[in-house]
Each structure stands twice: as C-alpha cells, then as structure tokens.
Amino acid sequence: MEKKEQAILKITEEMVRRGGYNGFSFREIAKQVGIKSSSVHYHFPTKEDLGVAVAKYYTERFFETLGQAQALLDNNKDPLQSYISAFRQALTKDKRMCLCGLLGAEIDGLPERVVEQTQEFFRLQLAWLEDAYRLMDPDKNTNTIARKKASQTLALLEGAIITSNVLDDITLFDSAAELLLTQA
C-alpha cells in the first residue's frame, strides 16, 4: 500500500470514528492529507469503495495487533486479556469507538459492500474468541459453549465501549472486563 493511500485510510478512519459513515467527505480528506480531492478519487473511486477499504484496513490492523490465540498461549499470555486490552486501547489511547462497532450501529444506512465488510469484522471476532475459549480450556469449552462465550464476550465489550465512551468513564469498561475475566 502506498503512503498516500495509507494516509487517506488513516484520516478516513479518524473521521468515521468521530462522526460515523456520513461524517466524512472526499474534500475534507484531501485537505487533511494535503492532496487534491481527485487524488482521493483516484485511489477510491466511490465513498463505498473507501468505506470498504477503511473497514478492511481497521480489521486487518486489529487482528495483526491482537495476534493468534494459540501464539498468545504459547507465549504464556492470556488470549482473553489480550483481546480485552485491544478494545480498551480504543478508549484510552485512541479516545474513540471501535470503527466497526460504530459502523455496526449504522448498518441499516450503509452501502451493501460496507455492510459486508463490517459483518466480516464481527464474524472474525467471534471465530477468534471461539478459538481462544476452546484453547484455554478444551475440556470445559466445547464448540457450543465456546460459541456462547464468544458471543457474550463480544456483546459485553462492544456495549461496554459504547457506555464508557458516552459517559466518559473508563471504569465502566474495566468493570465489564473484570466480569469477563472472573467468569472465563
């Protein structure tokens, strides 16, 4: 990926995380990146193309940062704690909502391909969590139990990040995370 394209994606991500899918325009992105609007269109011909690309870019970075559950266990790290930390970083370091969580809240008003990429983020989250729960305790966490725990974990953390962000209170997220860790 070339530098201009990456810069466009980073600026777009910030704008979407601040104002939703309709919270950005090609002109605003071009101004922030320091290029012409036509250059943004060169890389991403339509807003839908850019929306898909930014959701995919976010997803790839999230999982690259998180790593594989088995690799975490092999390095004596708790996959669930690592997962929680990735969400918490959005609140503490980025001071923003999870990009795909925000897009998920707007799902009915998104173009079809952006919906599909947002859904892919959530499918990958659930698959990662299912795998992590099975690996952490294979005797206790059958496929069915791991699937239930994965959906509960994702729902709780997405809800916690929204509530903490709305009320500007990180302790709400931390309480939800503590509950997950004590019940794992």
N, C-alpha and C. Protein backbone atom coordinates (compact mmCIF):
# COMPACT_ATOMS: atom_id res chain seq x y z
N MET A 1 0.85 -1.17 0.00
CA MET A 1 0.00 0.00 0.00
C MET A 1 0.90 1.24 0.00
N GLU A 2 0.59 2.16 -0.86
CA GLU A 2 1.43 3.36 -0.93
C GLU A 2 1.06 4.35 0.18
N LYS A 3 1.97 5.28 0.43
CA LYS A 3 1.82 6.19 1.57
C LYS A 3 0.57 7.06 1.47
N LYS A 4 0.25 7.56 0.28
CA LYS A 4 -0.95 8.40 0.14
C LYS A 4 -2.21 7.61 0.46
N GLU A 5 -2.25 6.40 -0.04
CA GLU A 5 -3.42 5.55 0.21
C GLU A 5 -3.56 5.28 1.71
N GLN A 6 -2.46 4.98 2.37
CA GLN A 6 -2.49 4.73 3.81
C GLN A 6 -2.90 5.99 4.57
N ALA A 7 -2.40 7.13 4.16
CA ALA A 7 -2.77 8.39 4.81
C ALA A 7 -4.26 8.67 4.65
N ILE A 8 -4.79 8.39 3.46
CA ILE A 8 -6.23 8.56 3.22
C ILE A 8 -7.03 7.66 4.16
N LEU A 9 -6.61 6.41 4.28
CA LEU A 9 -7.32 5.47 5.15
C LEU A 9 -7.26 5.89 6.62
N LYS A 10 -6.11 6.35 7.07
CA LYS A 10 -5.97 6.79 8.47
C LYS A 10 -6.88 7.98 8.77
N ILE A 11 -6.88 8.96 7.88
CA ILE A 11 -7.72 10.15 8.07
C ILE A 11 -9.19 9.77 8.02
N THR A 12 -9.55 8.91 7.07
CA THR A 12 -10.94 8.48 6.96
C THR A 12 -11.36 7.72 8.22
N GLU A 13 -10.50 6.86 8.72
CA GLU A 13 -10.82 6.13 9.94
C GLU A 13 -11.10 7.10 11.08
N GLU A 14 -10.26 8.10 11.25
CA GLU A 14 -10.47 9.09 12.31
C GLU A 14 -11.81 9.79 12.14
N MET A 15 -12.12 10.17 10.90
CA MET A 15 -13.37 10.89 10.64
C MET A 15 -14.58 10.01 10.90
N VAL A 16 -14.53 8.76 10.47
CA VAL A 16 -15.65 7.84 10.70
C VAL A 16 -15.81 7.58 12.20
N ARG A 17 -14.71 7.37 12.89
CA ARG A 17 -14.79 7.09 14.33
C ARG A 17 -15.29 8.31 15.10
N ARG A 18 -15.17 9.48 14.52
CA ARG A 18 -15.65 10.70 15.15
C ARG A 18 -17.10 11.02 14.76
N GLY A 19 -17.44 10.77 13.49
CA GLY A 19 -18.75 11.22 13.02
C GLY A 19 -19.57 10.21 12.25
N GLY A 20 -19.15 8.96 12.23
CA GLY A 20 -19.90 7.94 11.52
C GLY A 20 -19.60 7.93 10.03
N TYR A 21 -20.27 7.04 9.33
CA TYR A 21 -20.02 6.86 7.90
C TYR A 21 -20.30 8.14 7.11
N ASN A 22 -21.28 8.89 7.52
CA ASN A 22 -21.59 10.13 6.80
C ASN A 22 -20.82 11.32 7.34
N GLY A 23 -19.86 11.07 8.22
CA GLY A 23 -19.09 12.15 8.83
C GLY A 23 -17.82 12.50 8.09
N PHE A 24 -17.72 12.14 6.81
CA PHE A 24 -16.53 12.50 6.04
C PHE A 24 -16.90 12.78 4.60
N SER A 25 -16.06 13.56 3.97
CA SER A 25 -16.20 13.82 2.54
C SER A 25 -14.82 13.72 1.91
N PHE A 26 -14.79 13.48 0.62
CA PHE A 26 -13.53 13.37 -0.10
C PHE A 26 -12.76 14.69 -0.02
N ARG A 27 -13.48 15.80 -0.05
CA ARG A 27 -12.84 17.12 0.02
C ARG A 27 -12.13 17.31 1.37
N GLU A 28 -12.80 16.93 2.47
CA GLU A 28 -12.20 17.06 3.80
C GLU A 28 -10.98 16.16 3.95
N ILE A 29 -11.09 14.95 3.43
CA ILE A 29 -9.97 14.00 3.49
C ILE A 29 -8.78 14.56 2.72
N ALA A 30 -9.04 15.04 1.51
CA ALA A 30 -7.97 15.59 0.67
C ALA A 30 -7.28 16.75 1.38
N LYS A 31 -8.06 17.61 1.99
CA LYS A 31 -7.50 18.76 2.70
C LYS A 31 -6.58 18.31 3.83
N GLN A 32 -7.02 17.33 4.61
CA GLN A 32 -6.21 16.85 5.75
C GLN A 32 -4.95 16.12 5.29
N VAL A 33 -5.05 15.38 4.19
CA VAL A 33 -3.90 14.64 3.69
C VAL A 33 -2.94 15.57 2.93
N GLY A 34 -3.49 16.68 2.40
CA GLY A 34 -2.67 17.62 1.65
C GLY A 34 -2.58 17.25 0.17
N ILE A 35 -3.67 16.73 -0.35
CA ILE A 35 -3.74 16.35 -1.76
C ILE A 35 -5.04 16.91 -2.35
N LYS A 36 -5.20 16.74 -3.65
CA LYS A 36 -6.44 17.16 -4.31
C LYS A 36 -7.51 16.09 -4.11
N SER A 37 -8.76 16.53 -4.13
CA SER A 37 -9.87 15.60 -4.00
C SER A 37 -9.84 14.54 -5.09
N SER A 38 -9.40 14.92 -6.27
CA SER A 38 -9.32 13.95 -7.38
C SER A 38 -8.32 12.83 -7.06
N SER A 39 -7.31 13.13 -6.24
CA SER A 39 -6.35 12.09 -5.84
C SER A 39 -7.00 11.06 -4.92
N VAL A 40 -7.91 11.51 -4.07
CA VAL A 40 -8.64 10.57 -3.21
C VAL A 40 -9.48 9.67 -4.10
N HIS A 41 -10.16 10.28 -5.07
CA HIS A 41 -10.99 9.50 -6.01
C HIS A 41 -10.15 8.55 -6.87
N TYR A 42 -8.94 8.90 -7.13
CA TYR A 42 -8.05 8.02 -7.90
C TYR A 42 -7.85 6.70 -7.15
N HIS A 43 -7.60 6.80 -5.85
CA HIS A 43 -7.38 5.60 -5.03
C HIS A 43 -8.68 4.89 -4.68
N PHE A 44 -9.73 5.66 -4.44
CA PHE A 44 -11.01 5.12 -4.01
C PHE A 44 -12.11 5.83 -4.81
N PRO A 45 -12.51 5.26 -5.93
CA PRO A 45 -13.44 5.95 -6.84
C PRO A 45 -14.76 6.41 -6.19
N THR A 46 -15.28 5.63 -5.24
CA THR A 46 -16.55 6.00 -4.61
C THR A 46 -16.42 5.98 -3.09
N LYS A 47 -17.39 6.60 -2.44
CA LYS A 47 -17.41 6.59 -0.98
C LYS A 47 -17.55 5.15 -0.47
N GLU A 48 -18.32 4.34 -1.18
CA GLU A 48 -18.46 2.94 -0.79
C GLU A 48 -17.12 2.21 -0.87
N ASP A 49 -16.36 2.46 -1.93
CA ASP A 49 -15.02 1.85 -2.05
C ASP A 49 -14.14 2.25 -0.87
N LEU A 50 -14.20 3.51 -0.51
CA LEU A 50 -13.39 4.00 0.62
C LEU A 50 -13.89 3.41 1.94
N GLY A 51 -15.21 3.31 2.10
CA GLY A 51 -15.78 2.72 3.32
C GLY A 51 -15.37 1.26 3.49
N VAL A 52 -15.40 0.51 2.40
CA VAL A 52 -14.98 -0.89 2.44
C VAL A 52 -13.50 -0.96 2.80
N ALA A 53 -12.69 -0.14 2.15
CA ALA A 53 -11.24 -0.17 2.37
C ALA A 53 -10.88 0.19 3.80
N VAL A 54 -11.55 1.19 4.37
CA VAL A 54 -11.20 1.61 5.73
C VAL A 54 -11.64 0.55 6.74
N ALA A 55 -12.78 -0.09 6.52
CA ALA A 55 -13.22 -1.16 7.43
C ALA A 55 -12.27 -2.36 7.34
N LYS A 56 -11.84 -2.68 6.13
CA LYS A 56 -10.90 -3.79 5.95
C LYS A 56 -9.55 -3.46 6.57
N TYR A 57 -9.07 -2.25 6.37
CA TYR A 57 -7.81 -1.78 6.93
C TYR A 57 -7.84 -1.86 8.46
N TYR A 58 -8.94 -1.42 9.05
CA TYR A 58 -9.12 -1.47 10.51
C TYR A 58 -9.11 -2.92 10.99
N THR A 59 -9.85 -3.78 10.31
CA THR A 59 -9.93 -5.19 10.68
C THR A 59 -8.56 -5.84 10.64
N GLU A 60 -7.85 -5.62 9.56
CA GLU A 60 -6.51 -6.22 9.42
C GLU A 60 -5.57 -5.75 10.52
N ARG A 61 -5.59 -4.46 10.82
CA ARG A 61 -4.72 -3.94 11.88
C ARG A 61 -5.11 -4.47 13.25
N PHE A 62 -6.41 -4.58 13.50
CA PHE A 62 -6.88 -5.10 14.79
C PHE A 62 -6.34 -6.51 15.01
N PHE A 63 -6.50 -7.37 14.02
CA PHE A 63 -6.07 -8.76 14.18
C PHE A 63 -4.56 -8.91 14.13
N GLU A 64 -3.90 -8.05 13.39
CA GLU A 64 -2.44 -8.08 13.38
C GLU A 64 -1.89 -7.72 14.76
N THR A 65 -2.48 -6.72 15.38
CA THR A 65 -2.08 -6.31 16.72
C THR A 65 -2.43 -7.38 17.75
N LEU A 66 -3.60 -7.97 17.62
CA LEU A 66 -4.06 -8.98 18.56
C LEU A 66 -3.23 -10.26 18.47
N GLY A 67 -2.99 -10.74 17.28
CA GLY A 67 -2.26 -12.00 17.11
C GLY A 67 -3.18 -13.19 17.21
N GLN A 68 -2.64 -14.37 17.03
CA GLN A 68 -3.41 -15.61 17.11
C GLN A 68 -3.50 -16.09 18.57
N ALA A 69 -4.64 -16.64 18.91
CA ALA A 69 -4.85 -17.12 20.28
C ALA A 69 -3.81 -18.17 20.67
N GLN A 70 -3.52 -19.10 19.78
CA GLN A 70 -2.54 -20.15 20.08
C GLN A 70 -1.16 -19.56 20.33
N ALA A 71 -0.76 -18.58 19.53
CA ALA A 71 0.55 -17.95 19.71
C ALA A 71 0.61 -17.23 21.05
N LEU A 72 -0.48 -16.60 21.45
CA LEU A 72 -0.51 -15.93 22.76
C LEU A 72 -0.33 -16.95 23.87
N LEU A 73 -1.06 -18.05 23.79
CA LEU A 73 -0.92 -19.11 24.80
C LEU A 73 0.49 -19.68 24.82
N ASP A 74 1.06 -19.88 23.64
CA ASP A 74 2.43 -20.40 23.55
C ASP A 74 3.43 -19.47 24.22
N ASN A 75 3.10 -18.18 24.28
CA ASN A 75 3.97 -17.19 24.91
C ASN A 75 3.50 -16.84 26.32
N ASN A 76 2.72 -17.74 26.92
CA ASN A 76 2.22 -17.58 28.29
C ASN A 76 1.41 -16.30 28.48
N LYS A 77 0.64 -15.93 27.46
CA LYS A 77 -0.24 -14.76 27.56
C LYS A 77 -1.68 -15.25 27.51
N ASP A 78 -2.52 -14.57 28.24
CA ASP A 78 -3.94 -14.89 28.29
C ASP A 78 -4.62 -14.26 27.07
N PRO A 79 -5.17 -15.08 26.16
CA PRO A 79 -5.82 -14.52 24.97
C PRO A 79 -6.99 -13.58 25.30
N LEU A 80 -7.76 -13.92 26.32
CA LEU A 80 -8.89 -13.07 26.68
C LEU A 80 -8.41 -11.71 27.19
N GLN A 81 -7.37 -11.71 27.98
CA GLN A 81 -6.81 -10.45 28.47
C GLN A 81 -6.26 -9.63 27.30
N SER A 82 -5.63 -10.28 26.36
CA SER A 82 -5.11 -9.58 25.17
C SER A 82 -6.24 -8.98 24.35
N TYR A 83 -7.32 -9.72 24.22
CA TYR A 83 -8.49 -9.24 23.48
C TYR A 83 -9.10 -8.02 24.17
N ILE A 84 -9.27 -8.12 25.47
CA ILE A 84 -9.81 -7.00 26.24
C ILE A 84 -8.91 -5.78 26.11
N SER A 85 -7.61 -5.99 26.16
CA SER A 85 -6.65 -4.88 26.03
C SER A 85 -6.78 -4.19 24.68
N ALA A 86 -7.03 -4.96 23.63
CA ALA A 86 -7.19 -4.37 22.30
C ALA A 86 -8.41 -3.44 22.27
N PHE A 87 -9.49 -3.84 22.90
CA PHE A 87 -10.68 -2.98 22.99
C PHE A 87 -10.42 -1.77 23.87
N ARG A 88 -9.76 -2.00 25.01
CA ARG A 88 -9.50 -0.91 25.95
C ARG A 88 -8.63 0.17 25.32
N GLN A 89 -7.73 -0.26 24.45
CA GLN A 89 -6.83 0.69 23.77
C GLN A 89 -7.64 1.70 22.95
N ALA A 90 -8.72 1.26 22.35
CA ALA A 90 -9.56 2.17 21.58
C ALA A 90 -10.07 3.31 22.45
N LEU A 91 -10.39 2.99 23.70
CA LEU A 91 -10.89 4.01 24.63
C LEU A 91 -9.78 4.89 25.21
N THR A 92 -8.68 4.27 25.59
CA THR A 92 -7.65 5.01 26.31
C THR A 92 -6.64 5.70 25.38
N LYS A 93 -6.15 4.97 24.40
CA LYS A 93 -5.14 5.54 23.51
C LYS A 93 -5.77 6.31 22.36
N ASP A 94 -6.72 5.67 21.69
CA ASP A 94 -7.33 6.29 20.52
C ASP A 94 -8.42 7.29 20.89
N LYS A 95 -8.99 7.15 22.08
CA LYS A 95 -10.10 8.00 22.53
C LYS A 95 -11.27 7.95 21.56
N ARG A 96 -11.51 6.78 21.00
CA ARG A 96 -12.55 6.61 20.00
C ARG A 96 -13.28 5.28 20.18
N MET A 97 -14.39 5.19 19.49
CA MET A 97 -15.14 3.94 19.43
C MET A 97 -14.43 2.96 18.51
N CYS A 98 -14.74 1.70 18.64
CA CYS A 98 -14.31 0.68 17.69
C CYS A 98 -14.94 1.05 16.34
N LEU A 99 -14.15 1.18 15.30
CA LEU A 99 -14.65 1.60 13.99
C LEU A 99 -15.80 0.72 13.51
N CYS A 100 -15.61 -0.58 13.53
CA CYS A 100 -16.64 -1.48 13.02
C CYS A 100 -17.83 -1.56 13.97
N GLY A 101 -17.62 -1.32 15.25
CA GLY A 101 -18.74 -1.22 16.17
C GLY A 101 -19.61 -0.03 15.83
N LEU A 102 -18.97 1.07 15.52
CA LEU A 102 -19.69 2.27 15.12
C LEU A 102 -20.43 2.05 13.81
N LEU A 103 -19.74 1.42 12.84
CA LEU A 103 -20.40 1.10 11.56
C LEU A 103 -21.56 0.13 11.78
N GLY A 104 -21.37 -0.80 12.72
CA GLY A 104 -22.44 -1.75 13.02
C GLY A 104 -23.69 -1.06 13.52
N ALA A 105 -23.53 0.00 14.28
CA ALA A 105 -24.67 0.76 14.78
C ALA A 105 -25.41 1.46 13.64
N GLU A 106 -24.71 1.71 12.55
CA GLU A 106 -25.29 2.40 11.39
C GLU A 106 -25.65 1.43 10.26
N ILE A 107 -25.65 0.16 10.52
CA ILE A 107 -25.71 -0.87 9.48
C ILE A 107 -26.86 -0.68 8.49
N ASP A 108 -28.02 -0.24 8.95
CA ASP A 108 -29.16 -0.08 8.06
C ASP A 108 -28.98 1.02 7.02
N GLY A 109 -28.07 1.96 7.28
CA GLY A 109 -27.87 3.06 6.34
C GLY A 109 -26.59 2.96 5.53
N LEU A 110 -25.91 1.82 5.59
CA LEU A 110 -24.64 1.67 4.89
C LEU A 110 -24.81 0.99 3.54
N PRO A 111 -23.93 1.30 2.59
CA PRO A 111 -23.93 0.58 1.33
C PRO A 111 -23.63 -0.91 1.55
N GLU A 112 -24.12 -1.74 0.66
CA GLU A 112 -24.04 -3.19 0.82
C GLU A 112 -22.63 -3.70 1.07
N ARG A 113 -21.65 -3.24 0.32
CA ARG A 113 -20.29 -3.75 0.49
C ARG A 113 -19.67 -3.31 1.81
N VAL A 114 -20.05 -2.15 2.33
CA VAL A 114 -19.57 -1.71 3.64
C VAL A 114 -20.21 -2.57 4.73
N VAL A 115 -21.49 -2.90 4.55
CA VAL A 115 -22.18 -3.80 5.46
C VAL A 115 -21.44 -5.14 5.51
N GLU A 116 -21.11 -5.68 4.34
CA GLU A 116 -20.44 -6.98 4.27
C GLU A 116 -19.08 -6.94 4.97
N GLN A 117 -18.32 -5.88 4.78
CA GLN A 117 -17.01 -5.79 5.43
C GLN A 117 -17.15 -5.61 6.94
N THR A 118 -18.16 -4.88 7.37
CA THR A 118 -18.42 -4.71 8.80
C THR A 118 -18.83 -6.05 9.41
N GLN A 119 -19.68 -6.78 8.73
CA GLN A 119 -20.08 -8.11 9.21
C GLN A 119 -18.88 -9.05 9.29
N GLU A 120 -17.98 -8.92 8.33
CA GLU A 120 -16.77 -9.77 8.34
C GLU A 120 -15.95 -9.51 9.60
N PHE A 121 -15.83 -8.26 10.00
CA PHE A 121 -15.12 -7.92 11.25
C PHE A 121 -15.73 -8.69 12.42
N PHE A 122 -17.05 -8.67 12.53
CA PHE A 122 -17.72 -9.34 13.64
C PHE A 122 -17.61 -10.86 13.53
N ARG A 123 -17.71 -11.41 12.33
CA ARG A 123 -17.53 -12.86 12.16
C ARG A 123 -16.13 -13.28 12.60
N LEU A 124 -15.13 -12.50 12.20
CA LEU A 124 -13.75 -12.81 12.59
C LEU A 124 -13.55 -12.69 14.10
N GLN A 125 -14.21 -11.72 14.70
CA GLN A 125 -14.13 -11.56 16.17
C GLN A 125 -14.67 -12.81 16.86
N LEU A 126 -15.85 -13.22 16.43
CA LEU A 126 -16.47 -14.40 17.04
C LEU A 126 -15.63 -15.65 16.84
N ALA A 127 -15.10 -15.83 15.65
CA ALA A 127 -14.27 -17.02 15.37
C ALA A 127 -13.01 -17.00 16.23
N TRP A 128 -12.39 -15.82 16.36
CA TRP A 128 -11.17 -15.70 17.18
C TRP A 128 -11.49 -16.04 18.63
N LEU A 129 -12.58 -15.48 19.14
CA LEU A 129 -12.95 -15.73 20.53
C LEU A 129 -13.32 -17.19 20.77
N GLU A 130 -14.06 -17.80 19.85
CA GLU A 130 -14.39 -19.22 19.99
C GLU A 130 -13.12 -20.06 20.08
N ASP A 131 -12.18 -19.77 19.19
CA ASP A 131 -10.91 -20.49 19.19
C ASP A 131 -10.18 -20.29 20.51
N ALA A 132 -10.14 -19.05 20.98
CA ALA A 132 -9.45 -18.75 22.24
C ALA A 132 -10.07 -19.51 23.41
N TYR A 133 -11.40 -19.49 23.51
CA TYR A 133 -12.05 -20.20 24.62
C TYR A 133 -11.78 -21.70 24.54
N ARG A 134 -11.86 -22.29 23.36
CA ARG A 134 -11.59 -23.73 23.23
C ARG A 134 -10.15 -24.05 23.63
N LEU A 135 -9.21 -23.20 23.21
CA LEU A 135 -7.80 -23.44 23.52
C LEU A 135 -7.49 -23.26 25.01
N MET A 136 -8.16 -22.30 25.64
CA MET A 136 -7.87 -22.01 27.04
C MET A 136 -8.34 -23.15 27.96
N ASP A 137 -9.42 -23.81 27.59
CA ASP A 137 -9.92 -24.91 28.43
C ASP A 137 -10.70 -25.89 27.54
N PRO A 138 -9.97 -26.74 26.80
CA PRO A 138 -10.63 -27.63 25.83
C PRO A 138 -11.60 -28.63 26.46
N ASP A 139 -11.38 -29.03 27.69
CA ASP A 139 -12.29 -29.98 28.33
C ASP A 139 -13.62 -29.34 28.69
N LYS A 140 -13.57 -28.10 29.11
CA LYS A 140 -14.77 -27.39 29.56
C LYS A 140 -15.49 -26.69 28.40
N ASN A 141 -14.72 -26.15 27.47
CA ASN A 141 -15.30 -25.32 26.41
C ASN A 141 -15.49 -26.11 25.12
N THR A 142 -16.60 -26.81 25.06
CA THR A 142 -16.97 -27.49 23.83
C THR A 142 -17.27 -26.43 22.77
N ASN A 143 -17.48 -26.85 21.55
CA ASN A 143 -17.79 -25.89 20.49
C ASN A 143 -19.01 -25.03 20.84
N THR A 144 -20.04 -25.64 21.37
CA THR A 144 -21.26 -24.91 21.72
C THR A 144 -21.01 -23.91 22.84
N ILE A 145 -20.32 -24.33 23.87
CA ILE A 145 -20.02 -23.43 24.99
C ILE A 145 -19.09 -22.32 24.55
N ALA A 146 -18.07 -22.64 23.77
CA ALA A 146 -17.13 -21.63 23.28
C ALA A 146 -17.87 -20.60 22.42
N ARG A 147 -18.80 -21.05 21.60
CA ARG A 147 -19.58 -20.14 20.74
C ARG A 147 -20.42 -19.19 21.59
N LYS A 148 -21.06 -19.72 22.63
CA LYS A 148 -21.87 -18.88 23.52
C LYS A 148 -20.99 -17.86 24.25
N LYS A 149 -19.86 -18.32 24.77
CA LYS A 149 -18.96 -17.41 25.47
C LYS A 149 -18.43 -16.33 24.53
N ALA A 150 -18.14 -16.71 23.30
CA ALA A 150 -17.63 -15.74 22.32
C ALA A 150 -18.67 -14.65 22.06
N SER A 151 -19.92 -15.04 21.85
CA SER A 151 -20.95 -14.04 21.57
C SER A 151 -21.21 -13.16 22.78
N GLN A 152 -21.17 -13.74 23.98
CA GLN A 152 -21.36 -12.94 25.20
C GLN A 152 -20.21 -11.95 25.39
N THR A 153 -19.00 -12.41 25.13
CA THR A 153 -17.82 -11.55 25.29
C THR A 153 -17.86 -10.37 24.33
N LEU A 154 -18.14 -10.66 23.07
CA LEU A 154 -18.18 -9.59 22.07
C LEU A 154 -19.29 -8.60 22.40
N ALA A 155 -20.46 -9.10 22.74
CA ALA A 155 -21.58 -8.20 23.05
C ALA A 155 -21.27 -7.35 24.28
N LEU A 156 -20.71 -7.97 25.30
CA LEU A 156 -20.40 -7.23 26.53
C LEU A 156 -19.36 -6.14 26.28
N LEU A 157 -18.31 -6.47 25.54
CA LEU A 157 -17.26 -5.48 25.32
C LEU A 157 -17.70 -4.37 24.37
N GLU A 158 -18.46 -4.71 23.33
CA GLU A 158 -18.97 -3.65 22.44
C GLU A 158 -19.89 -2.72 23.23
N GLY A 159 -20.75 -3.30 24.06
CA GLY A 159 -21.62 -2.47 24.90
C GLY A 159 -20.84 -1.64 25.90
N ALA A 160 -19.82 -2.24 26.48
CA ALA A 160 -19.01 -1.53 27.47
C ALA A 160 -18.25 -0.37 26.85
N ILE A 161 -17.76 -0.56 25.63
CA ILE A 161 -17.01 0.52 24.98
C ILE A 161 -17.94 1.68 24.64
N ILE A 162 -19.17 1.35 24.23
CA ILE A 162 -20.15 2.40 23.93
C ILE A 162 -20.50 3.16 25.20
N THR A 163 -20.85 2.43 26.25
CA THR A 163 -21.25 3.07 27.51
C THR A 163 -20.13 3.91 28.10
N SER A 164 -18.93 3.37 28.11
CA SER A 164 -17.78 4.10 28.64
C SER A 164 -17.50 5.36 27.83
N ASN A 165 -17.64 5.25 26.52
CA ASN A 165 -17.41 6.41 25.67
C ASN A 165 -18.48 7.48 25.88
N VAL A 166 -19.74 7.07 25.92
CA VAL A 166 -20.85 8.02 26.09
C VAL A 166 -20.74 8.75 27.43
N LEU A 167 -20.42 7.99 28.48
CA LEU A 167 -20.37 8.59 29.82
C LEU A 167 -18.98 9.05 30.22
N ASP A 168 -18.02 8.88 29.31
CA ASP A 168 -16.63 9.27 29.55
C ASP A 168 -16.13 8.72 30.89
N ASP A 169 -16.30 7.39 31.04
CA ASP A 169 -15.94 6.74 32.29
C ASP A 169 -15.35 5.36 31.99
N ILE A 170 -14.03 5.28 31.99
CA ILE A 170 -13.33 4.04 31.67
C ILE A 170 -13.61 2.94 32.69
N THR A 171 -13.99 3.31 33.90
CA THR A 171 -14.25 2.28 34.91
C THR A 171 -15.42 1.38 34.53
N LEU A 172 -16.34 1.88 33.71
CA LEU A 172 -17.46 1.05 33.25
C LEU A 172 -16.94 -0.07 32.35
N PHE A 173 -16.00 0.25 31.49
CA PHE A 173 -15.39 -0.77 30.64
C PHE A 173 -14.60 -1.75 31.49
N ASP A 174 -13.82 -1.21 32.41
CA ASP A 174 -12.99 -2.07 33.27
C ASP A 174 -13.83 -3.04 34.11
N SER A 175 -14.99 -2.60 34.57
CA SER A 175 -15.88 -3.48 35.34
C SER A 175 -16.39 -4.63 34.47
N ALA A 176 -16.74 -4.32 33.24
CA ALA A 176 -17.20 -5.36 32.31
C ALA A 176 -16.07 -6.34 32.02
N ALA A 177 -14.88 -5.82 31.81
CA ALA A 177 -13.72 -6.68 31.54
C ALA A 177 -13.41 -7.57 32.74
N GLU A 178 -13.50 -7.02 33.93
CA GLU A 178 -13.25 -7.81 35.14
C GLU A 178 -14.25 -8.95 35.26
N LEU A 179 -15.50 -8.67 34.95
CA LEU A 179 -16.53 -9.70 34.98
C LEU A 179 -16.17 -10.84 34.01
N LEU A 180 -15.74 -10.49 32.80
CA LEU A 180 -15.36 -11.50 31.82
C LEU A 180 -14.20 -12.35 32.33
N LEU A 181 -13.21 -11.71 32.88
CA LEU A 181 -12.01 -12.44 33.32
C LEU A 181 -12.29 -13.37 34.50
N THR A 182 -13.21 -12.97 35.38
CA THR A 182 -13.53 -13.82 36.53
C THR A 182 -14.42 -14.99 36.13
N GLN A 183 -15.13 -14.86 35.02
CA GLN A 183 -16.03 -15.93 34.58
C GLN A 183 -15.43 -16.80 33.49
N ALA A 184 -14.24 -16.47 33.02
CA ALA A 184 -13.61 -17.25 31.94
C ALA A 184 -13.27 -18.62 32.44
